[in-house]
Amino acid sequence: MKIKKNDIVQIIQGKDAGKKGKVLKAMPKINKIVVEGLNLAIKHVRPRREGEKGQRVKMAMPFDVSNVMLICPRCKKKIRVGYKILTDGSRKRFCRKCNDVFK
C-alpha cells in the first residue's frame, strides 16, 4: 500500500470529499485507512457504573484507500506515488509532479 501512517491525504470521494487529514492507522491487508477527524460515525456507549450516563461518541471509521490521494509534503499538491530504487538498494517513495523523494 502506497499510503502510510502519518501521511497527509485528501479525500476525493464520499461525504468528506475535498477535506484533508492525517492518517492515523493503515490496514494494508484489508486495503483501508483511518484518517483523523474524517468519516465519523456515532457509537453509543452504555454507562459503566451506577449513576453514570450513556454517551454518543464520534469515532473515525476506516474507509478504502482508493478514495484518497496523498499530498506531497514539498509541492502541497495531490499526487500519485512512484517508487525509486536508490544507489544503496533501498526503495523510496517519490512525488510524480516535483520528483521529490520522501520517506
PDB file of N, CA and C in Angstrom:
ATOM      1  N   MET A   1       0.847  -1.170   0.000  1.00  0.00           N
ATOM      2  CA  MET A   1       0.000   0.000   0.000  1.00  0.00           C
ATOM      3  C   MET A   1       0.896   1.238   0.000  1.00  0.00           C
ATOM      4  N   LYS A   2       0.560   2.212  -0.822  1.00  0.00           N
ATOM      5  CA  LYS A   2       1.419   3.374  -1.009  1.00  0.00           C
ATOM      6  C   LYS A   2       1.196   4.469   0.012  1.00  0.00           C
ATOM      7  N   ILE A   3       0.147   4.373   0.821  1.00  0.00           N
ATOM      8  CA  ILE A   3      -0.129   5.362   1.855  1.00  0.00           C
ATOM      9  C   ILE A   3       0.195   4.759   3.211  1.00  0.00           C
ATOM     10  N   LYS A   4       0.927   5.516   4.012  1.00  0.00           N
ATOM     11  CA  LYS A   4       1.389   5.013   5.305  1.00  0.00           C
ATOM     12  C   LYS A   4       0.902   5.911   6.440  1.00  0.00           C
ATOM     13  N   LYS A   5       1.116   5.441   7.664  1.00  0.00           N
ATOM     14  CA  LYS A   5       0.743   6.206   8.855  1.00  0.00           C
ATOM     15  C   LYS A   5       1.468   7.549   8.860  1.00  0.00           C
ATOM     16  N   ASN A   6       0.794   8.592   9.332  1.00  0.00           N
ATOM     17  CA  ASN A   6       1.287   9.972   9.446  1.00  0.00           C
ATOM     18  C   ASN A   6       1.378  10.719   8.120  1.00  0.00           C
ATOM     19  N   ASP A   7       0.936  10.129   7.006  1.00  0.00           N
ATOM     20  CA  ASP A   7       0.863  10.857   5.741  1.00  0.00           C
ATOM     21  C   ASP A   7      -0.326  11.818   5.777  1.00  0.00           C
ATOM     22  N   ILE A   8      -0.243  12.897   5.024  1.00  0.00           N
ATOM     23  CA  ILE A   8      -1.365  13.819   4.861  1.00  0.00           C
ATOM     24  C   ILE A   8      -2.051  13.446   3.548  1.00  0.00           C
ATOM     25  N   VAL A   9      -3.367  13.216   3.620  1.00  0.00           N
ATOM     26  CA  VAL A   9      -4.122  12.797   2.445  1.00  0.00           C
ATOM     27  C   VAL A   9      -5.323  13.702   2.239  1.00  0.00           C
ATOM     28  N   GLN A  10      -5.846  13.702   1.011  1.00  0.00           N
ATOM     29  CA  GLN A  10      -7.074  14.422   0.697  1.00  0.00           C
ATOM     30  C   GLN A  10      -8.098  13.416   0.202  1.00  0.00           C
ATOM     31  N   ILE A  11      -9.326  13.535   0.725  1.00  0.00           N
ATOM     32  CA  ILE A  11     -10.408  12.649   0.331  1.00  0.00           C
ATOM     33  C   ILE A  11     -10.908  13.097  -1.038  1.00  0.00           C
ATOM     34  N   ILE A  12     -11.053  12.154  -1.975  1.00  0.00           N
ATOM     35  CA  ILE A  12     -11.502  12.506  -3.317  1.00  0.00           C
ATOM     36  C   ILE A  12     -12.901  11.988  -3.620  1.00  0.00           C
ATOM     37  N   GLN A  13     -13.460  11.184  -2.709  1.00  0.00           N
ATOM     38  CA  GLN A  13     -14.764  10.606  -2.970  1.00  0.00           C
ATOM     39  C   GLN A  13     -15.490  10.360  -1.656  1.00  0.00           C
ATOM     40  N   GLY A  14     -16.802  10.526  -1.643  1.00  0.00           N
ATOM     41  CA  GLY A  14     -17.596  10.262  -0.457  1.00  0.00           C
ATOM     42  C   GLY A  14     -18.089  11.532   0.207  1.00  0.00           C
ATOM     43  N   LYS A  15     -18.630  11.369   1.416  1.00  0.00           N
ATOM     44  CA  LYS A  15     -19.259  12.509   2.096  1.00  0.00           C
ATOM     45  C   LYS A  15     -18.253  13.568   2.547  1.00  0.00           C
ATOM     46  N   ASP A  16     -16.997  13.203   2.718  1.00  0.00           N
ATOM     47  CA  ASP A  16     -15.964  14.147   3.156  1.00  0.00           C
ATOM     48  C   ASP A  16     -15.055  14.579   2.002  1.00  0.00           C
ATOM     49  N   ALA A  17     -15.516  14.504   0.780  1.00  0.00           N
ATOM     50  CA  ALA A  17     -14.690  14.817  -0.396  1.00  0.00           C
ATOM     51  C   ALA A  17     -14.136  16.239  -0.304  1.00  0.00           C
ATOM     52  N   GLY A  18     -12.837  16.377  -0.599  1.00  0.00           N
ATOM     53  CA  GLY A  18     -12.176  17.675  -0.581  1.00  0.00           C
ATOM     54  C   GLY A  18     -11.478  17.996   0.723  1.00  0.00           C
ATOM     55  N   LYS A  19     -11.755  17.253   1.783  1.00  0.00           N
ATOM     56  CA  LYS A  19     -11.137  17.522   3.084  1.00  0.00           C
ATOM     57  C   LYS A  19      -9.794  16.818   3.190  1.00  0.00           C
ATOM     58  N   LYS A  20      -8.910  17.412   4.002  1.00  0.00           N
ATOM     59  CA  LYS A  20      -7.576  16.852   4.222  1.00  0.00           C
ATOM     60  C   LYS A  20      -7.445  16.376   5.652  1.00  0.00           C
ATOM     61  N   GLY A  21      -6.591  15.389   5.871  1.00  0.00           N
ATOM     62  CA  GLY A  21      -6.360  14.892   7.217  1.00  0.00           C
ATOM     63  C   GLY A  21      -5.135  14.001   7.282  1.00  0.00           C
ATOM     64  N   LYS A  22      -4.754  13.672   8.503  1.00  0.00           N
ATOM     65  CA  LYS A  22      -3.575  12.859   8.768  1.00  0.00           C
ATOM     66  C   LYS A  22      -4.004  11.406   8.961  1.00  0.00           C
ATOM     67  N   VAL A  23      -3.251  10.472   8.387  1.00  0.00           N
ATOM     68  CA  VAL A  23      -3.563   9.054   8.507  1.00  0.00           C
ATOM     69  C   VAL A  23      -3.161   8.575   9.903  1.00  0.00           C
ATOM     70  N   LEU A  24      -4.138   8.062  10.649  1.00  0.00           N
ATOM     71  CA  LEU A  24      -3.871   7.546  11.991  1.00  0.00           C
ATOM     72  C   LEU A  24      -3.473   6.077  11.966  1.00  0.00           C
ATOM     73  N   LYS A  25      -4.070   5.328  11.045  1.00  0.00           N
ATOM     74  CA  LYS A  25      -3.835   3.893  11.005  1.00  0.00           C
ATOM     75  C   LYS A  25      -3.967   3.411   9.564  1.00  0.00           C
ATOM     76  N   ALA A  26      -3.047   2.562   9.132  1.00  0.00           N
ATOM     77  CA  ALA A  26      -3.106   1.956   7.810  1.00  0.00           C
ATOM     78  C   ALA A  26      -3.288   0.457   7.984  1.00  0.00           C
ATOM     79  N   MET A  27      -4.236  -0.115   7.242  1.00  0.00           N
ATOM     80  CA  MET A  27      -4.522  -1.547   7.323  1.00  0.00           C
ATOM     81  C   MET A  27      -4.349  -2.168   5.933  1.00  0.00           C
ATOM     82  N   PRO A  28      -3.103  -2.525   5.552  1.00  0.00           N
ATOM     83  CA  PRO A  28      -2.847  -2.987   4.193  1.00  0.00           C
ATOM     84  C   PRO A  28      -3.524  -4.311   3.833  1.00  0.00           C
ATOM     85  N   LYS A  29      -3.784  -5.163   4.800  1.00  0.00           N
ATOM     86  CA  LYS A  29      -4.413  -6.457   4.491  1.00  0.00           C
ATOM     87  C   LYS A  29      -5.830  -6.290   3.972  1.00  0.00           C
ATOM     88  N   ILE A  30      -6.550  -5.292   4.476  1.00  0.00           N
ATOM     89  CA  ILE A  30      -7.923  -5.059   4.017  1.00  0.00           C
ATOM     90  C   ILE A  30      -8.025  -3.801   3.157  1.00  0.00           C
ATOM     91  N   ASN A  31      -6.861  -3.177   2.859  1.00  0.00           N
ATOM     92  CA  ASN A  31      -6.775  -2.021   1.955  1.00  0.00           C
ATOM     93  C   ASN A  31      -7.589  -0.825   2.447  1.00  0.00           C
ATOM     94  N   LYS A  32      -7.519  -0.549   3.761  1.00  0.00           N
ATOM     95  CA  LYS A  32      -8.266   0.562   4.346  1.00  0.00           C
ATOM     96  C   LYS A  32      -7.352   1.410   5.216  1.00  0.00           C
ATOM     97  N   ILE A  33      -7.782   2.667   5.434  1.00  0.00           N
ATOM     98  CA  ILE A  33      -7.059   3.575   6.316  1.00  0.00           C
ATOM     99  C   ILE A  33      -8.053   4.304   7.210  1.00  0.00           C
ATOM    100  N   VAL A  34      -7.541   4.823   8.339  1.00  0.00           N
ATOM    101  CA  VAL A  34      -8.330   5.673   9.233  1.00  0.00           C
ATOM    102  C   VAL A  34      -7.678   7.044   9.217  1.00  0.00           C
ATOM    103  N   VAL A  35      -8.486   8.083   8.909  1.00  0.00           N
ATOM    104  CA  VAL A  35      -7.981   9.450   8.828  1.00  0.00           C
ATOM    105  C   VAL A  35      -8.561  10.253   9.989  1.00  0.00           C
ATOM    106  N   GLU A  36      -7.710  11.037  10.631  1.00  0.00           N
ATOM    107  CA  GLU A  36      -8.081  11.818  11.809  1.00  0.00           C
ATOM    108  C   GLU A  36      -9.202  12.813  11.512  1.00  0.00           C
ATOM    109  N   GLY A  37     -10.315  12.671  12.212  1.00  0.00           N
ATOM    110  CA  GLY A  37     -11.419  13.621  12.109  1.00  0.00           C
ATOM    111  C   GLY A  37     -12.311  13.471  10.883  1.00  0.00           C
ATOM    112  N   LEU A  38     -12.102  12.448  10.064  1.00  0.00           N
ATOM    113  CA  LEU A  38     -12.917  12.263   8.863  1.00  0.00           C
ATOM    114  C   LEU A  38     -13.609  10.902   8.894  1.00  0.00           C
ATOM    115  N   ASN A  39     -14.710  10.796   8.145  1.00  0.00           N
ATOM    116  CA  ASN A  39     -15.540   9.590   8.092  1.00  0.00           C
ATOM    117  C   ASN A  39     -16.011   9.208   9.493  1.00  0.00           C
ATOM    118  N   LEU A  40     -16.573  10.187  10.201  1.00  0.00           N
ATOM    119  CA  LEU A  40     -17.004   9.979  11.578  1.00  0.00           C
ATOM    120  C   LEU A  40     -18.322   9.220  11.640  1.00  0.00           C
ATOM    121  N   ALA A  41     -18.407   8.326  12.617  1.00  0.00           N
ATOM    122  CA  ALA A  41     -19.640   7.606  12.889  1.00  0.00           C
ATOM    123  C   ALA A  41     -19.918   7.732  14.378  1.00  0.00           C
ATOM    124  N   ILE A  42     -21.183   7.653  14.757  1.00  0.00           N
ATOM    125  CA  ILE A  42     -21.553   7.773  16.168  1.00  0.00           C
ATOM    126  C   ILE A  42     -21.706   6.388  16.772  1.00  0.00           C
ATOM    127  N   LYS A  43     -21.014   6.172  17.879  1.00  0.00           N
ATOM    128  CA  LYS A  43     -21.109   4.911  18.604  1.00  0.00           C
ATOM    129  C   LYS A  43     -21.780   5.193  19.939  1.00  0.00           C
ATOM    130  N   HIS A  44     -22.781   4.406  20.286  1.00  0.00           N
ATOM    131  CA  HIS A  44     -23.476   4.568  21.556  1.00  0.00           C
ATOM    132  C   HIS A  44     -22.764   3.738  22.618  1.00  0.00           C
ATOM    133  N   VAL A  45     -22.404   4.392  23.728  1.00  0.00           N
ATOM    134  CA  VAL A  45     -21.663   3.735  24.800  1.00  0.00           C
ATOM    135  C   VAL A  45     -22.574   3.608  26.010  1.00  0.00           C
ATOM    136  N   ARG A  46     -22.668   2.417  26.530  1.00  0.00           N
ATOM    137  CA  ARG A  46     -23.508   2.177  27.702  1.00  0.00           C
ATOM    138  C   ARG A  46     -22.833   2.705  28.960  1.00  0.00           C
ATOM    139  N   PRO A  47     -23.611   3.068  29.985  1.00  0.00           N
ATOM    140  CA  PRO A  47     -23.000   3.501  31.245  1.00  0.00           C
ATOM    141  C   PRO A  47     -22.278   2.329  31.915  1.00  0.00           C
ATOM    142  N   ARG A  48     -21.121   2.581  32.466  1.00  0.00           N
ATOM    143  CA  ARG A  48     -20.325   1.518  33.095  1.00  0.00           C
ATOM    144  C   ARG A  48     -20.647   1.373  34.588  1.00  0.00           C
ATOM    145  N   ARG A  49     -20.885   2.499  35.254  1.00  0.00           N
ATOM    146  CA  ARG A  49     -21.167   2.463  36.693  1.00  0.00           C
ATOM    147  C   ARG A  49     -22.579   2.956  36.962  1.00  0.00           C
ATOM    148  N   GLU A  50     -23.044   2.677  38.135  1.00  0.00           N
ATOM    149  CA  GLU A  50     -24.373   3.156  38.527  1.00  0.00           C
ATOM    150  C   GLU A  50     -24.318   4.671  38.696  1.00  0.00           C
ATOM    151  N   GLY A  51     -25.310   5.350  38.159  1.00  0.00           N
ATOM    152  CA  GLY A  51     -25.364   6.807  38.247  1.00  0.00           C
ATOM    153  C   GLY A  51     -24.708   7.500  37.065  1.00  0.00           C
ATOM    154  N   GLU A  52     -23.911   6.788  36.299  1.00  0.00           N
ATOM    155  CA  GLU A  52     -23.256   7.372  35.125  1.00  0.00           C
ATOM    156  C   GLU A  52     -24.222   7.331  33.940  1.00  0.00           C
ATOM    157  N   LYS A  53     -24.098   8.303  33.035  1.00  0.00           N
ATOM    158  CA  LYS A  53     -24.983   8.341  31.877  1.00  0.00           C
ATOM    159  C   LYS A  53     -24.309   7.711  30.664  1.00  0.00           C
ATOM    160  N   GLY A  54     -25.131   7.196  29.764  1.00  0.00           N
ATOM    161  CA  GLY A  54     -24.631   6.698  28.492  1.00  0.00           C
ATOM    162  C   GLY A  54     -24.246   7.869  27.603  1.00  0.00           C
ATOM    163  N   GLN A  55     -23.448   7.604  26.593  1.00  0.00           N
ATOM    164  CA  GLN A  55     -22.953   8.670  25.734  1.00  0.00           C
ATOM    165  C   GLN A  55     -23.034   8.276  24.262  1.00  0.00           C
ATOM    166  N   ARG A  56     -22.938   9.278  23.416  1.00  0.00           N
ATOM    167  CA  ARG A  56     -22.771   9.066  21.987  1.00  0.00           C
ATOM    168  C   ARG A  56     -21.389   9.590  21.631  1.00  0.00           C
ATOM    169  N   VAL A  57     -20.501   8.710  21.210  1.00  0.00           N
ATOM    170  CA  VAL A  57     -19.116   9.063  20.932  1.00  0.00           C
ATOM    171  C   VAL A  57     -18.885   9.039  19.422  1.00  0.00           C
ATOM    172  N   LYS A  58     -18.265  10.099  18.896  1.00  0.00           N
ATOM    173  CA  LYS A  58     -17.919  10.126  17.472  1.00  0.00           C
ATOM    174  C   LYS A  58     -16.565   9.455  17.283  1.00  0.00           C
ATOM    175  N   MET A  59     -16.520   8.507  16.349  1.00  0.00           N
ATOM    176  CA  MET A  59     -15.295   7.762  16.078  1.00  0.00           C
ATOM    177  C   MET A  59     -14.960   7.854  14.588  1.00  0.00           C
ATOM    178  N   ALA A  60     -13.663   7.958  14.275  1.00  0.00           N
ATOM    179  CA  ALA A  60     -13.218   7.929  12.878  1.00  0.00           C
ATOM    180  C   ALA A  60     -13.218   6.476  12.418  1.00  0.00           C
ATOM    181  N   MET A  61     -13.963   6.201  11.355  1.00  0.00           N
ATOM    182  CA  MET A  61     -14.081   4.844  10.838  1.00  0.00           C
ATOM    183  C   MET A  61     -13.175   4.658   9.618  1.00  0.00           C
ATOM    184  N   PRO A  62     -12.742   3.417   9.363  1.00  0.00           N
ATOM    185  CA  PRO A  62     -11.874   3.180   8.209  1.00  0.00           C
ATOM    186  C   PRO A  62     -12.638   3.270   6.893  1.00  0.00           C
ATOM    187  N   PHE A  63     -11.933   3.680   5.838  1.00  0.00           N
ATOM    188  CA  PHE A  63     -12.507   3.647   4.501  1.00  0.00           C
ATOM    189  C   PHE A  63     -11.428   3.258   3.511  1.00  0.00           C
ATOM    190  N   ASP A  64     -11.845   2.922   2.311  1.00  0.00           N
ATOM    191  CA  ASP A  64     -10.950   2.355   1.321  1.00  0.00           C
ATOM    192  C   ASP A  64      -9.884   3.358   0.884  1.00  0.00           C
ATOM    193  N   VAL A  65      -8.692   2.848   0.680  1.00  0.00           N
ATOM    194  CA  VAL A  65      -7.552   3.691   0.321  1.00  0.00           C
ATOM    195  C   VAL A  65      -7.700   4.268  -1.086  1.00  0.00           C
ATOM    196  N   SER A  66      -8.560   3.692  -1.914  1.00  0.00           N
ATOM    197  CA  SER A  66      -8.754   4.209  -3.263  1.00  0.00           C
ATOM    198  C   SER A  66      -9.528   5.525  -3.267  1.00  0.00           C
ATOM    199  N   ASN A  67     -10.120   5.904  -2.133  1.00  0.00           N
ATOM    200  CA  ASN A  67     -10.884   7.148  -2.037  1.00  0.00           C
ATOM    201  C   ASN A  67     -10.043   8.341  -1.589  1.00  0.00           C
ATOM    202  N   VAL A  68      -8.724   8.166  -1.470  1.00  0.00           N
ATOM    203  CA  VAL A  68      -7.857   9.259  -1.039  1.00  0.00           C
ATOM    204  C   VAL A  68      -6.679   9.404  -1.984  1.00  0.00           C
ATOM    205  N   MET A  69      -6.084  10.616  -1.973  1.00  0.00           N
ATOM    206  CA  MET A  69      -4.832  10.857  -2.684  1.00  0.00           C
ATOM    207  C   MET A  69      -3.847  11.494  -1.718  1.00  0.00           C
ATOM    208  N   LEU A  70      -2.611  11.112  -1.847  1.00  0.00           N
ATOM    209  CA  LEU A  70      -1.551  11.619  -0.992  1.00  0.00           C
ATOM    210  C   LEU A  70      -1.240  13.071  -1.340  1.00  0.00           C
ATOM    211  N   ILE A  71      -0.932  13.877  -0.333  1.00  0.00           N
ATOM    212  CA  ILE A  71      -0.498  15.258  -0.521  1.00  0.00           C
ATOM    213  C   ILE A  71       1.028  15.282  -0.396  1.00  0.00           C
ATOM    214  N   CYS A  72       1.695  15.810  -1.415  1.00  0.00           N
ATOM    215  CA  CYS A  72       3.162  15.897  -1.398  1.00  0.00           C
ATOM    216  C   CYS A  72       3.590  16.895  -0.329  1.00  0.00           C
ATOM    217  N   PRO A  73       4.535  16.523   0.550  1.00  0.00           N
ATOM    218  CA  PRO A  73       4.982  17.461   1.592  1.00  0.00           C
ATOM    219  C   PRO A  73       5.707  18.685   1.036  1.00  0.00           C
ATOM    220  N   ARG A  74       6.274  18.585  -0.156  1.00  0.00           N
ATOM    221  CA  ARG A  74       7.034  19.706  -0.718  1.00  0.00           C
ATOM    222  C   ARG A  74       6.171  20.622  -1.584  1.00  0.00           C
ATOM    223  N   CYS A  75       5.465  20.062  -2.581  1.00  0.00           N
ATOM    224  CA  CYS A  75       4.707  20.925  -3.501  1.00  0.00           C
ATOM    225  C   CYS A  75       3.244  21.108  -3.086  1.00  0.00           C
ATOM    226  N   LYS A  76       2.784  20.394  -2.052  1.00  0.00           N
ATOM    227  CA  LYS A  76       1.433  20.544  -1.475  1.00  0.00           C
ATOM    228  C   LYS A  76       0.313  20.262  -2.483  1.00  0.00           C
ATOM    229  N   LYS A  77       0.570  19.375  -3.456  1.00  0.00           N
ATOM    230  CA  LYS A  77      -0.439  19.006  -4.438  1.00  0.00           C
ATOM    231  C   LYS A  77      -0.849  17.550  -4.244  1.00  0.00           C
ATOM    232  N   LYS A  78      -2.039  17.193  -4.755  1.00  0.00           N
ATOM    233  CA  LYS A  78      -2.460  15.798  -4.755  1.00  0.00           C
ATOM    234  C   LYS A  78      -1.587  15.061  -5.756  1.00  0.00           C
ATOM    235  N   ILE A  79      -1.060  13.921  -5.355  1.00  0.00           N
ATOM    236  CA  ILE A  79      -0.126  13.212  -6.235  1.00  0.00           C
ATOM    237  C   ILE A  79      -0.438  11.723  -6.292  1.00  0.00           C
ATOM    238  N   ARG A  80       0.084  11.111  -7.351  1.00  0.00           N
ATOM    239  CA  ARG A  80       0.203   9.668  -7.407  1.00  0.00           C
ATOM    240  C   ARG A  80       1.624   9.350  -6.973  1.00  0.00           C
ATOM    241  N   VAL A  81       1.791   8.301  -6.204  1.00  0.00           N
ATOM    242  CA  VAL A  81       3.090   7.971  -5.633  1.00  0.00           C
ATOM    243  C   VAL A  81       3.838   7.052  -6.582  1.00  0.00           C
ATOM    244  N   GLY A  82       5.132   7.332  -6.750  1.00  0.00           N
ATOM    245  CA  GLY A  82       6.010   6.452  -7.504  1.00  0.00           C
ATOM    246  C   GLY A  82       7.082   5.917  -6.573  1.00  0.00           C
ATOM    247  N   TYR A  83       7.838   4.945  -7.034  1.00  0.00           N
ATOM    248  CA  TYR A  83       8.924   4.385  -6.251  1.00  0.00           C
ATOM    249  C   TYR A  83      10.222   4.492  -7.024  1.00  0.00           C
ATOM    250  N   LYS A  84      11.305   4.850  -6.330  1.00  0.00           N
ATOM    251  CA  LYS A  84      12.644   4.896  -6.910  1.00  0.00           C
ATOM    252  C   LYS A  84      13.524   3.953  -6.104  1.00  0.00           C
ATOM    253  N   ILE A  85      14.381   3.241  -6.800  1.00  0.00           N
ATOM    254  CA  ILE A  85      15.372   2.407  -6.127  1.00  0.00           C
ATOM    255  C   ILE A  85      16.663   3.215  -6.099  1.00  0.00           C
ATOM    256  N   LEU A  86      17.119   3.531  -4.885  1.00  0.00           N
ATOM    257  CA  LEU A  86      18.304   4.371  -4.714  1.00  0.00           C
ATOM    258  C   LEU A  86      19.569   3.546  -4.893  1.00  0.00           C
ATOM    259  N   THR A  87      20.727   4.215  -4.917  1.00  0.00           N
ATOM    260  CA  THR A  87      22.002   3.542  -5.154  1.00  0.00           C
ATOM    261  C   THR A  87      22.362   2.541  -4.061  1.00  0.00           C
ATOM    262  N   ASP A  88      21.853   2.780  -2.835  1.00  0.00           N
ATOM    263  CA  ASP A  88      22.150   1.838  -1.745  1.00  0.00           C
ATOM    264  C   ASP A  88      21.193   0.639  -1.745  1.00  0.00           C
ATOM    265  N   GLY A  89      20.288   0.579  -2.725  1.00  0.00           N
ATOM    266  CA  GLY A  89      19.374  -0.557  -2.846  1.00  0.00           C
ATOM    267  C   GLY A  89      18.043  -0.377  -2.148  1.00  0.00           C
ATOM    268  N   SER A  90      17.852   0.741  -1.431  1.00  0.00           N
ATOM    269  CA  SER A  90      16.588   0.962  -0.732  1.00  0.00           C
ATOM    270  C   SER A  90      15.538   1.513  -1.701  1.00  0.00           C
ATOM    271  N   ARG A  91      14.290   1.248  -1.389  1.00  0.00           N
ATOM    272  CA  ARG A  91      13.179   1.685  -2.235  1.00  0.00           C
ATOM    273  C   ARG A  91      12.453   2.815  -1.527  1.00  0.00           C
ATOM    274  N   LYS A  92      12.383   3.986  -2.149  1.00  0.00           N
ATOM    275  CA  LYS A  92      11.766   5.172  -1.546  1.00  0.00           C
ATOM    276  C   LYS A  92      10.609   5.655  -2.410  1.00  0.00           C
ATOM    277  N   ARG A  93       9.626   6.282  -1.767  1.00  0.00           N
ATOM    278  CA  ARG A  93       8.505   6.880  -2.479  1.00  0.00           C
ATOM    279  C   ARG A  93       8.920   8.257  -3.006  1.00  0.00           C
ATOM    280  N   PHE A  94       8.348   8.656  -4.143  1.00  0.00           N
ATOM    281  CA  PHE A  94       8.638   9.985  -4.656  1.00  0.00           C
ATOM    282  C   PHE A  94       7.386  10.583  -5.290  1.00  0.00           C
ATOM    283  N   CYS A  95       7.372  11.916  -5.349  1.00  0.00           N
ATOM    284  CA  CYS A  95       6.271  12.669  -5.941  1.00  0.00           C
ATOM    285  C   CYS A  95       6.445  12.657  -7.456  1.00  0.00           C
ATOM    286  N   ARG A  96       5.399  12.304  -8.181  1.00  0.00           N
ATOM    287  CA  ARG A  96       5.482  12.255  -9.643  1.00  0.00           C
ATOM    288  C   ARG A  96       5.385  13.646 -10.269  1.00  0.00           C
ATOM    289  N   LYS A  97       5.024  14.672  -9.490  1.00  0.00           N
ATOM    290  CA  LYS A  97       4.927  16.029 -10.032  1.00  0.00           C
ATOM    291  C   LYS A  97       6.226  16.811  -9.851  1.00  0.00           C
ATOM    292  N   CYS A  98       6.820  16.753  -8.638  1.00  0.00           N
ATOM    293  CA  CYS A  98       8.029  17.541  -8.394  1.00  0.00           C
ATOM    294  C   CYS A  98       9.284  16.674  -8.243  1.00  0.00           C
ATOM    295  N   ASN A  99       9.145  15.352  -8.353  1.00  0.00           N
ATOM    296  CA  ASN A  99      10.254  14.379  -8.255  1.00  0.00           C
ATOM    297  C   ASN A  99      10.983  14.425  -6.929  1.00  0.00           C
ATOM    298  N   ASP A 100      10.346  14.898  -5.874  1.00  0.00           N
ATOM    299  CA  ASP A 100      10.943  14.939  -4.543  1.00  0.00           C
ATOM    300  C   ASP A 100      10.805  13.568  -3.882  1.00  0.00           C
ATOM    301  N   VAL A 101      11.908  13.049  -3.352  1.00  0.00           N
ATOM    302  CA  VAL A 101      11.885  11.752  -2.655  1.00  0.00           C
ATOM    303  C   VAL A 101      11.549  12.004  -1.191  1.00  0.00           C
ATOM    304  N   PHE A 102      10.582  11.276  -0.664  1.00  0.00           N
ATOM    305  CA  PHE A 102      10.238  11.396   0.758  1.00  0.00           C
ATOM    306  C   PHE A 102      10.121  10.014   1.355  1.00  0.00           C
ATOM    307  N   LYS A 103      10.004   9.951   2.688  1.00  0.00           N
ATOM    308  CA  LYS A 103      10.009   8.651   3.352  1.00  0.00           C
ATOM    309  C   LYS A 103       8.801   7.822   3.168  1.00  0.00           C
TER     310      LYS A 103
END
